């Protein structure tokens, strides 16, 4: 893992605010030459610090306004049951995030779908057929309070 300096932190901060900023604009804001800035960005990409670039899309504009936080508990913590759930989740385009967690559930998923009918279809296709699933708890978001994607680079 590479050690990041203040230039790297500033580059990461600015790219998280605007991933489409030109290299010249980025270099000007950071205080580096264009070539030096480009080399640093490429190094951050190659080292895996910058994993990818993406556009943030308004789910309601795509008629995917129902956000569900799904807690899944397994009947056994066997590698087979874990792999079965994780593989199913990876195949499903409605699952935006999935975390293996400690606590009352084994996994927490964030699902984005059109409506309750689409959510029921998701459950029937991707979750309920899995042999290792013991319990499913759904929480439906009423409104979004905060949604950040930037990780503070200090």
N, C-alpha and C. Protein backbone atom coordinates (compact mmCIF):
# COMPACT_ATOMS: atom_id res chain seq x y z
N UNK A 1 0.85 -1.17 0.00
CA UNK A 1 0.00 0.00 0.00
C UNK A 1 0.89 1.23 0.00
N UNK A 2 0.59 2.15 -0.88
CA UNK A 2 1.43 3.34 -1.01
C UNK A 2 1.07 4.37 0.05
N UNK A 3 2.05 5.17 0.42
CA UNK A 3 1.83 6.27 1.34
C UNK A 3 1.36 7.48 0.56
N UNK A 4 0.26 8.07 1.02
CA UNK A 4 -0.31 9.22 0.33
C UNK A 4 0.18 10.50 0.99
N UNK A 5 0.52 11.48 0.16
CA UNK A 5 0.92 12.78 0.69
C UNK A 5 -0.21 13.78 0.49
N UNK A 6 0.04 15.03 0.82
CA UNK A 6 -1.02 16.05 0.76
C UNK A 6 -1.52 16.27 -0.68
N UNK A 7 -0.64 16.14 -1.67
CA UNK A 7 -1.09 16.26 -3.07
C UNK A 7 -2.08 15.14 -3.42
N UNK A 8 -1.73 13.91 -3.02
CA UNK A 8 -2.60 12.77 -3.29
C UNK A 8 -3.97 12.96 -2.62
N UNK A 9 -3.95 13.40 -1.37
CA UNK A 9 -5.20 13.62 -0.65
C UNK A 9 -6.06 14.67 -1.34
N UNK A 10 -5.44 15.73 -1.81
CA UNK A 10 -6.19 16.80 -2.49
C UNK A 10 -6.73 16.29 -3.83
N UNK A 11 -5.93 15.53 -4.55
CA UNK A 11 -6.38 14.94 -5.81
C UNK A 11 -7.60 14.06 -5.57
N UNK A 12 -7.53 13.20 -4.56
CA UNK A 12 -8.65 12.30 -4.26
C UNK A 12 -9.90 13.08 -3.87
N UNK A 13 -9.73 14.09 -3.08
CA UNK A 13 -10.87 14.91 -2.67
C UNK A 13 -11.55 15.56 -3.87
N UNK A 14 -10.74 16.15 -4.74
CA UNK A 14 -11.29 16.83 -5.92
C UNK A 14 -11.93 15.85 -6.90
N UNK A 15 -11.31 14.69 -7.11
CA UNK A 15 -11.89 13.70 -8.02
C UNK A 15 -13.20 13.13 -7.49
N UNK A 16 -13.32 13.03 -6.17
CA UNK A 16 -14.58 12.54 -5.60
C UNK A 16 -15.69 13.58 -5.74
N UNK A 17 -15.32 14.85 -5.81
CA UNK A 17 -16.31 15.91 -6.01
C UNK A 17 -16.72 15.98 -7.48
N UNK A 18 -15.76 15.77 -8.38
CA UNK A 18 -16.02 15.86 -9.81
C UNK A 18 -15.07 14.93 -10.55
N UNK A 19 -15.55 13.74 -10.84
CA UNK A 19 -14.73 12.74 -11.54
C UNK A 19 -14.46 13.08 -12.99
N UNK A 20 -15.14 14.12 -13.50
CA UNK A 20 -14.95 14.51 -14.90
C UNK A 20 -14.05 15.74 -15.04
N UNK A 21 -13.46 16.19 -13.97
CA UNK A 21 -12.57 17.34 -14.03
C UNK A 21 -11.41 17.02 -14.96
N UNK A 22 -11.01 17.99 -15.75
CA UNK A 22 -9.88 17.75 -16.66
C UNK A 22 -8.58 17.67 -15.87
N UNK A 23 -7.61 16.99 -16.43
CA UNK A 23 -6.32 16.88 -15.76
C UNK A 23 -5.71 18.26 -15.54
N UNK A 24 -5.85 19.16 -16.49
CA UNK A 24 -5.29 20.51 -16.35
C UNK A 24 -5.96 21.26 -15.20
N UNK A 25 -7.28 21.18 -15.12
CA UNK A 25 -7.98 21.84 -14.01
C UNK A 25 -7.59 21.23 -12.67
N UNK A 26 -7.47 19.93 -12.63
CA UNK A 26 -7.06 19.24 -11.41
C UNK A 26 -5.66 19.68 -11.00
N UNK A 27 -4.76 19.70 -11.96
CA UNK A 27 -3.37 20.12 -11.68
C UNK A 27 -3.33 21.55 -11.15
N UNK A 28 -4.11 22.44 -11.77
CA UNK A 28 -4.14 23.83 -11.32
C UNK A 28 -4.64 23.94 -9.89
N UNK A 29 -5.68 23.20 -9.55
CA UNK A 29 -6.25 23.28 -8.20
C UNK A 29 -5.35 22.67 -7.15
N UNK A 30 -4.58 21.65 -7.55
CA UNK A 30 -3.69 20.97 -6.62
C UNK A 30 -2.35 21.68 -6.50
N UNK A 31 -1.96 22.39 -7.55
CA UNK A 31 -0.67 23.08 -7.54
C UNK A 31 0.47 22.24 -8.08
N UNK A 32 0.16 21.41 -9.06
CA UNK A 32 1.18 20.59 -9.71
C UNK A 32 1.17 20.87 -11.21
N UNK A 33 2.22 20.44 -11.88
CA UNK A 33 2.21 20.51 -13.35
C UNK A 33 1.22 19.46 -13.85
N UNK A 34 0.78 19.64 -15.06
CA UNK A 34 -0.17 18.71 -15.65
C UNK A 34 0.41 17.30 -15.70
N UNK A 35 1.66 17.17 -16.09
CA UNK A 35 2.31 15.86 -16.20
C UNK A 35 2.44 15.18 -14.83
N UNK A 36 2.84 15.94 -13.83
CA UNK A 36 3.00 15.38 -12.48
C UNK A 36 1.65 14.94 -11.91
N UNK A 37 0.63 15.73 -12.17
CA UNK A 37 -0.71 15.39 -11.70
C UNK A 37 -1.21 14.12 -12.38
N UNK A 38 -1.01 14.03 -13.68
CA UNK A 38 -1.43 12.86 -14.44
C UNK A 38 -0.74 11.60 -13.92
N UNK A 39 0.57 11.69 -13.64
CA UNK A 39 1.33 10.55 -13.11
C UNK A 39 0.77 10.10 -11.75
N UNK A 40 0.42 11.07 -10.91
CA UNK A 40 -0.13 10.73 -9.60
C UNK A 40 -1.49 10.06 -9.72
N UNK A 41 -2.34 10.58 -10.58
CA UNK A 41 -3.66 9.97 -10.77
C UNK A 41 -3.49 8.54 -11.29
N UNK A 42 -2.62 8.34 -12.26
CA UNK A 42 -2.38 7.00 -12.81
C UNK A 42 -1.85 6.07 -11.74
N UNK A 43 -0.97 6.56 -10.89
CA UNK A 43 -0.44 5.75 -9.80
C UNK A 43 -1.54 5.38 -8.80
N UNK A 44 -2.41 6.33 -8.48
CA UNK A 44 -3.53 6.06 -7.57
C UNK A 44 -4.48 5.02 -8.17
N UNK A 45 -4.66 5.06 -9.47
CA UNK A 45 -5.50 4.07 -10.15
C UNK A 45 -4.83 2.69 -10.13
N UNK A 46 -3.54 2.65 -10.48
CA UNK A 46 -2.82 1.37 -10.56
C UNK A 46 -2.70 0.70 -9.20
N UNK A 47 -2.56 1.50 -8.14
CA UNK A 47 -2.43 0.96 -6.79
C UNK A 47 -3.78 0.54 -6.21
N UNK A 48 -4.87 0.89 -6.90
CA UNK A 48 -6.20 0.51 -6.42
C UNK A 48 -6.82 1.49 -5.46
N UNK A 49 -6.16 2.62 -5.20
CA UNK A 49 -6.75 3.64 -4.33
C UNK A 49 -7.98 4.22 -5.03
N UNK A 50 -7.85 4.53 -6.30
CA UNK A 50 -9.00 4.90 -7.13
C UNK A 50 -9.46 3.61 -7.80
N UNK A 51 -10.64 3.13 -7.39
CA UNK A 51 -11.13 1.86 -7.91
C UNK A 51 -11.83 2.00 -9.25
N UNK A 52 -12.61 3.07 -9.42
CA UNK A 52 -13.33 3.29 -10.67
C UNK A 52 -13.95 4.67 -10.64
N UNK A 53 -14.50 5.07 -11.78
CA UNK A 53 -15.22 6.33 -11.91
C UNK A 53 -16.66 6.00 -12.25
N UNK A 54 -17.59 6.78 -11.71
CA UNK A 54 -19.00 6.48 -11.94
C UNK A 54 -19.83 7.76 -11.94
N UNK A 55 -20.99 7.69 -12.56
CA UNK A 55 -21.97 8.78 -12.51
C UNK A 55 -23.01 8.43 -11.45
N UNK A 56 -23.38 9.38 -10.64
CA UNK A 56 -24.43 9.17 -9.65
C UNK A 56 -25.76 9.55 -10.29
N UNK A 57 -26.69 8.62 -10.29
CA UNK A 57 -27.94 8.78 -11.00
C UNK A 57 -29.10 8.85 -10.01
N UNK A 58 -30.07 9.71 -10.30
CA UNK A 58 -31.26 9.83 -9.49
C UNK A 58 -32.16 8.62 -9.77
N UNK A 59 -32.37 7.78 -8.77
CA UNK A 59 -33.14 6.54 -8.94
C UNK A 59 -34.57 6.81 -9.38
N UNK A 60 -35.16 7.87 -8.89
CA UNK A 60 -36.55 8.18 -9.25
C UNK A 60 -36.68 8.53 -10.73
N UNK A 61 -35.64 9.11 -11.32
CA UNK A 61 -35.67 9.42 -12.75
C UNK A 61 -35.68 8.15 -13.60
N UNK A 62 -35.23 7.05 -13.02
CA UNK A 62 -35.23 5.76 -13.71
C UNK A 62 -36.39 4.88 -13.25
N UNK A 63 -37.32 5.49 -12.52
CA UNK A 63 -38.47 4.78 -11.96
C UNK A 63 -38.03 3.61 -11.08
N UNK A 64 -37.02 3.86 -10.26
CA UNK A 64 -36.54 2.88 -9.28
C UNK A 64 -36.53 3.54 -7.90
N UNK A 65 -37.67 4.10 -7.52
CA UNK A 65 -37.76 4.94 -6.33
C UNK A 65 -37.90 4.22 -5.01
N UNK A 66 -38.10 2.89 -5.00
CA UNK A 66 -38.24 2.16 -3.74
C UNK A 66 -36.88 1.64 -3.30
N UNK A 67 -36.41 2.17 -2.19
CA UNK A 67 -35.13 1.73 -1.62
C UNK A 67 -35.43 0.88 -0.39
N UNK A 68 -34.85 -0.32 -0.36
CA UNK A 68 -35.09 -1.26 0.73
C UNK A 68 -33.76 -1.65 1.35
N UNK A 69 -33.73 -1.62 2.69
CA UNK A 69 -32.59 -2.17 3.43
C UNK A 69 -33.02 -3.55 3.90
N UNK A 70 -32.35 -4.56 3.41
CA UNK A 70 -32.73 -5.94 3.67
C UNK A 70 -31.69 -6.59 4.57
N UNK A 71 -32.15 -7.14 5.69
CA UNK A 71 -31.27 -7.88 6.59
C UNK A 71 -31.54 -9.37 6.39
N UNK A 72 -30.49 -10.11 6.11
CA UNK A 72 -30.61 -11.54 5.86
C UNK A 72 -29.80 -12.30 6.90
N UNK A 73 -30.45 -13.30 7.51
CA UNK A 73 -29.77 -14.19 8.45
C UNK A 73 -29.72 -15.59 7.84
N UNK A 74 -28.59 -16.23 7.98
CA UNK A 74 -28.42 -17.59 7.47
C UNK A 74 -28.74 -18.61 8.55
N UNK A 75 -29.17 -19.79 8.14
CA UNK A 75 -29.45 -20.86 9.09
C UNK A 75 -28.16 -21.44 9.68
N UNK A 76 -27.12 -21.47 8.87
CA UNK A 76 -25.79 -21.92 9.29
C UNK A 76 -24.76 -21.03 8.62
N UNK A 77 -23.66 -20.83 9.28
CA UNK A 77 -22.59 -20.01 8.71
C UNK A 77 -21.60 -20.89 7.94
N UNK A 78 -22.13 -21.72 7.09
CA UNK A 78 -21.28 -22.61 6.31
C UNK A 78 -20.78 -21.86 5.08
N UNK A 79 -19.59 -22.19 4.62
CA UNK A 79 -19.08 -21.58 3.39
C UNK A 79 -20.02 -21.77 2.21
N UNK A 80 -20.72 -22.88 2.16
CA UNK A 80 -21.65 -23.15 1.06
C UNK A 80 -22.81 -22.16 1.07
N UNK A 81 -23.43 -21.97 2.25
CA UNK A 81 -24.55 -21.03 2.36
C UNK A 81 -24.11 -19.60 2.10
N UNK A 82 -22.95 -19.25 2.61
CA UNK A 82 -22.43 -17.90 2.38
C UNK A 82 -22.18 -17.67 0.89
N UNK A 83 -21.53 -18.61 0.25
CA UNK A 83 -21.21 -18.48 -1.18
C UNK A 83 -22.49 -18.43 -2.01
N UNK A 84 -23.48 -19.23 -1.64
CA UNK A 84 -24.75 -19.25 -2.38
C UNK A 84 -25.42 -17.88 -2.32
N UNK A 85 -25.50 -17.29 -1.13
CA UNK A 85 -26.11 -15.97 -1.00
C UNK A 85 -25.29 -14.92 -1.74
N UNK A 86 -23.99 -14.92 -1.53
CA UNK A 86 -23.14 -13.90 -2.14
C UNK A 86 -23.16 -13.99 -3.67
N UNK A 87 -23.19 -15.18 -4.22
CA UNK A 87 -23.26 -15.34 -5.67
C UNK A 87 -24.60 -14.85 -6.22
N UNK A 88 -25.68 -15.13 -5.51
CA UNK A 88 -27.00 -14.67 -5.94
C UNK A 88 -27.06 -13.15 -5.93
N UNK A 89 -26.53 -12.55 -4.89
CA UNK A 89 -26.53 -11.09 -4.75
C UNK A 89 -25.70 -10.44 -5.86
N UNK A 90 -24.56 -11.02 -6.16
CA UNK A 90 -23.69 -10.46 -7.20
C UNK A 90 -24.36 -10.48 -8.57
N UNK A 91 -25.24 -11.43 -8.80
CA UNK A 91 -25.93 -11.54 -10.09
C UNK A 91 -27.08 -10.55 -10.23
N UNK A 92 -27.57 -10.03 -9.12
CA UNK A 92 -28.79 -9.22 -9.15
C UNK A 92 -28.48 -7.74 -9.34
N UNK A 93 -28.98 -7.13 -10.41
CA UNK A 93 -28.70 -5.72 -10.65
C UNK A 93 -29.42 -4.77 -9.68
N UNK A 94 -30.42 -5.28 -8.96
CA UNK A 94 -31.16 -4.42 -8.02
C UNK A 94 -30.40 -4.21 -6.71
N UNK A 95 -29.42 -5.06 -6.43
CA UNK A 95 -28.64 -4.94 -5.20
C UNK A 95 -27.51 -3.96 -5.46
N UNK A 96 -27.57 -2.81 -4.79
CA UNK A 96 -26.55 -1.79 -4.97
C UNK A 96 -25.39 -1.97 -4.01
N UNK A 97 -25.68 -2.48 -2.84
CA UNK A 97 -24.63 -2.72 -1.85
C UNK A 97 -24.98 -3.97 -1.06
N UNK A 98 -23.97 -4.69 -0.65
CA UNK A 98 -24.15 -5.86 0.21
C UNK A 98 -22.96 -5.95 1.14
N UNK A 99 -23.24 -6.11 2.41
CA UNK A 99 -22.20 -6.21 3.42
C UNK A 99 -22.42 -7.43 4.30
N UNK A 100 -21.37 -8.19 4.55
CA UNK A 100 -21.41 -9.21 5.59
C UNK A 100 -21.17 -8.46 6.90
N UNK A 101 -22.06 -8.67 7.87
CA UNK A 101 -22.02 -7.87 9.10
C UNK A 101 -22.09 -8.75 10.34
N UNK A 102 -21.79 -8.14 11.47
CA UNK A 102 -22.01 -8.79 12.76
C UNK A 102 -23.29 -8.21 13.34
N UNK A 103 -23.84 -8.87 14.33
CA UNK A 103 -25.06 -8.36 14.96
C UNK A 103 -26.23 -9.27 14.70
N UNK A 104 -27.43 -8.68 14.59
CA UNK A 104 -28.66 -9.47 14.45
C UNK A 104 -28.80 -10.16 13.11
N UNK A 105 -28.17 -9.66 12.09
CA UNK A 105 -28.23 -10.25 10.75
C UNK A 105 -26.83 -10.62 10.30
N UNK A 106 -26.77 -11.44 9.27
CA UNK A 106 -25.48 -11.83 8.70
C UNK A 106 -25.09 -10.95 7.52
N UNK A 107 -26.11 -10.42 6.82
CA UNK A 107 -25.88 -9.57 5.66
C UNK A 107 -26.87 -8.41 5.68
N UNK A 108 -26.41 -7.27 5.21
CA UNK A 108 -27.30 -6.14 4.96
C UNK A 108 -27.13 -5.77 3.50
N UNK A 109 -28.28 -5.65 2.81
CA UNK A 109 -28.30 -5.31 1.39
C UNK A 109 -29.09 -4.03 1.20
N UNK A 110 -28.65 -3.23 0.25
CA UNK A 110 -29.44 -2.07 -0.17
C UNK A 110 -29.96 -2.39 -1.57
N UNK A 111 -31.28 -2.40 -1.67
CA UNK A 111 -31.97 -2.77 -2.91
C UNK A 111 -32.67 -1.54 -3.46
N UNK A 112 -32.62 -1.34 -4.76
CA UNK A 112 -33.33 -0.23 -5.41
C UNK A 112 -34.20 -0.83 -6.51
N UNK A 113 -35.52 -0.70 -6.35
CA UNK A 113 -36.48 -1.25 -7.32
C UNK A 113 -37.59 -0.25 -7.60
N UNK A 114 -38.44 -0.59 -8.54
CA UNK A 114 -39.53 0.30 -8.94
C UNK A 114 -40.61 0.42 -7.87
N UNK A 115 -41.06 -0.73 -7.35
CA UNK A 115 -42.20 -0.72 -6.43
C UNK A 115 -42.22 -2.02 -5.64
N UNK A 116 -43.28 -2.20 -4.82
CA UNK A 116 -43.39 -3.39 -3.99
C UNK A 116 -43.47 -4.67 -4.81
N UNK A 117 -44.15 -4.60 -5.93
CA UNK A 117 -44.25 -5.78 -6.79
C UNK A 117 -42.86 -6.21 -7.28
N UNK A 118 -42.06 -5.25 -7.68
CA UNK A 118 -40.69 -5.55 -8.13
C UNK A 118 -39.85 -6.08 -6.97
N UNK A 119 -40.08 -5.57 -5.77
CA UNK A 119 -39.34 -6.05 -4.60
C UNK A 119 -39.72 -7.50 -4.29
N UNK A 120 -41.01 -7.79 -4.36
CA UNK A 120 -41.47 -9.16 -4.13
C UNK A 120 -40.84 -10.11 -5.16
N UNK A 121 -40.79 -9.66 -6.40
CA UNK A 121 -40.18 -10.48 -7.46
C UNK A 121 -38.70 -10.70 -7.17
N UNK A 122 -38.01 -9.65 -6.70
CA UNK A 122 -36.59 -9.80 -6.32
C UNK A 122 -36.44 -10.88 -5.25
N UNK A 123 -37.28 -10.81 -4.21
CA UNK A 123 -37.19 -11.80 -3.13
C UNK A 123 -37.44 -13.22 -3.65
N UNK A 124 -38.47 -13.36 -4.48
CA UNK A 124 -38.83 -14.68 -5.01
C UNK A 124 -37.73 -15.26 -5.91
N UNK A 125 -37.03 -14.39 -6.60
CA UNK A 125 -36.02 -14.87 -7.56
C UNK A 125 -34.64 -15.04 -6.94
N UNK A 126 -34.24 -14.11 -6.06
CA UNK A 126 -32.85 -14.09 -5.60
C UNK A 126 -32.62 -14.50 -4.15
N UNK A 127 -33.64 -14.43 -3.29
CA UNK A 127 -33.41 -14.68 -1.87
C UNK A 127 -34.14 -15.92 -1.37
N UNK A 128 -35.45 -15.99 -1.56
CA UNK A 128 -36.23 -17.10 -1.01
C UNK A 128 -35.81 -18.48 -1.51
N UNK A 129 -35.34 -18.64 -2.75
CA UNK A 129 -34.93 -19.98 -3.19
C UNK A 129 -33.65 -20.50 -2.52
N UNK A 130 -32.92 -19.64 -1.83
CA UNK A 130 -31.65 -20.05 -1.25
C UNK A 130 -31.88 -20.90 0.00
N UNK A 131 -31.31 -22.08 0.00
CA UNK A 131 -31.51 -23.03 1.08
C UNK A 131 -31.02 -22.52 2.43
N UNK A 132 -29.95 -21.75 2.44
CA UNK A 132 -29.35 -21.32 3.70
C UNK A 132 -29.98 -20.11 4.35
N UNK A 133 -30.95 -19.49 3.72
CA UNK A 133 -31.57 -18.29 4.29
C UNK A 133 -32.57 -18.69 5.36
N UNK A 134 -32.35 -18.19 6.59
CA UNK A 134 -33.24 -18.50 7.71
C UNK A 134 -34.25 -17.40 7.95
N UNK A 135 -33.82 -16.15 7.80
CA UNK A 135 -34.72 -15.03 8.11
C UNK A 135 -34.38 -13.83 7.24
N UNK A 136 -35.43 -13.10 6.86
CA UNK A 136 -35.30 -11.90 6.05
C UNK A 136 -36.11 -10.80 6.72
N UNK A 137 -35.50 -9.64 6.94
CA UNK A 137 -36.20 -8.47 7.49
C UNK A 137 -35.99 -7.31 6.54
N UNK A 138 -37.08 -6.67 6.17
CA UNK A 138 -37.04 -5.56 5.23
C UNK A 138 -37.36 -4.25 5.93
N UNK A 139 -36.58 -3.23 5.63
CA UNK A 139 -36.88 -1.87 6.06
C UNK A 139 -36.96 -1.01 4.81
N UNK A 140 -38.06 -0.27 4.68
CA UNK A 140 -38.28 0.56 3.51
C UNK A 140 -37.95 2.00 3.86
N UNK A 141 -37.13 2.63 3.04
CA UNK A 141 -36.75 4.01 3.32
C UNK A 141 -37.93 4.93 3.02
N UNK A 142 -38.12 5.88 3.90
CA UNK A 142 -39.18 6.86 3.72
C UNK A 142 -38.66 8.10 3.01
N UNK A 143 -37.44 8.48 3.37
CA UNK A 143 -36.78 9.58 2.68
C UNK A 143 -35.28 9.50 2.96
N UNK A 144 -34.52 10.05 2.06
CA UNK A 144 -33.07 10.04 2.21
C UNK A 144 -32.64 11.29 2.97
N UNK A 145 -31.88 11.10 4.02
CA UNK A 145 -31.40 12.21 4.83
C UNK A 145 -30.00 12.63 4.37
N UNK A 146 -29.16 11.66 4.15
CA UNK A 146 -27.79 11.95 3.71
C UNK A 146 -27.31 10.78 2.86
N UNK A 147 -26.68 11.12 1.75
CA UNK A 147 -26.09 10.11 0.87
C UNK A 147 -24.79 10.69 0.33
N UNK A 148 -23.72 10.27 0.87
CA UNK A 148 -22.40 10.72 0.42
C UNK A 148 -21.66 9.55 -0.20
N UNK A 149 -20.83 9.85 -1.15
CA UNK A 149 -20.00 8.81 -1.75
C UNK A 149 -18.51 9.08 -1.51
N UNK A 150 -18.20 10.29 -1.10
CA UNK A 150 -16.79 10.67 -0.92
C UNK A 150 -16.27 10.19 0.42
N UNK A 151 -15.08 9.62 0.40
CA UNK A 151 -14.37 9.25 1.62
C UNK A 151 -13.35 10.35 1.87
N UNK A 152 -13.35 10.86 3.08
CA UNK A 152 -12.45 11.98 3.41
C UNK A 152 -11.01 11.50 3.30
N UNK A 153 -10.24 12.17 2.48
CA UNK A 153 -8.82 11.89 2.34
C UNK A 153 -8.07 12.90 3.19
N UNK A 154 -7.49 12.45 4.26
CA UNK A 154 -6.79 13.36 5.20
C UNK A 154 -5.30 13.16 5.15
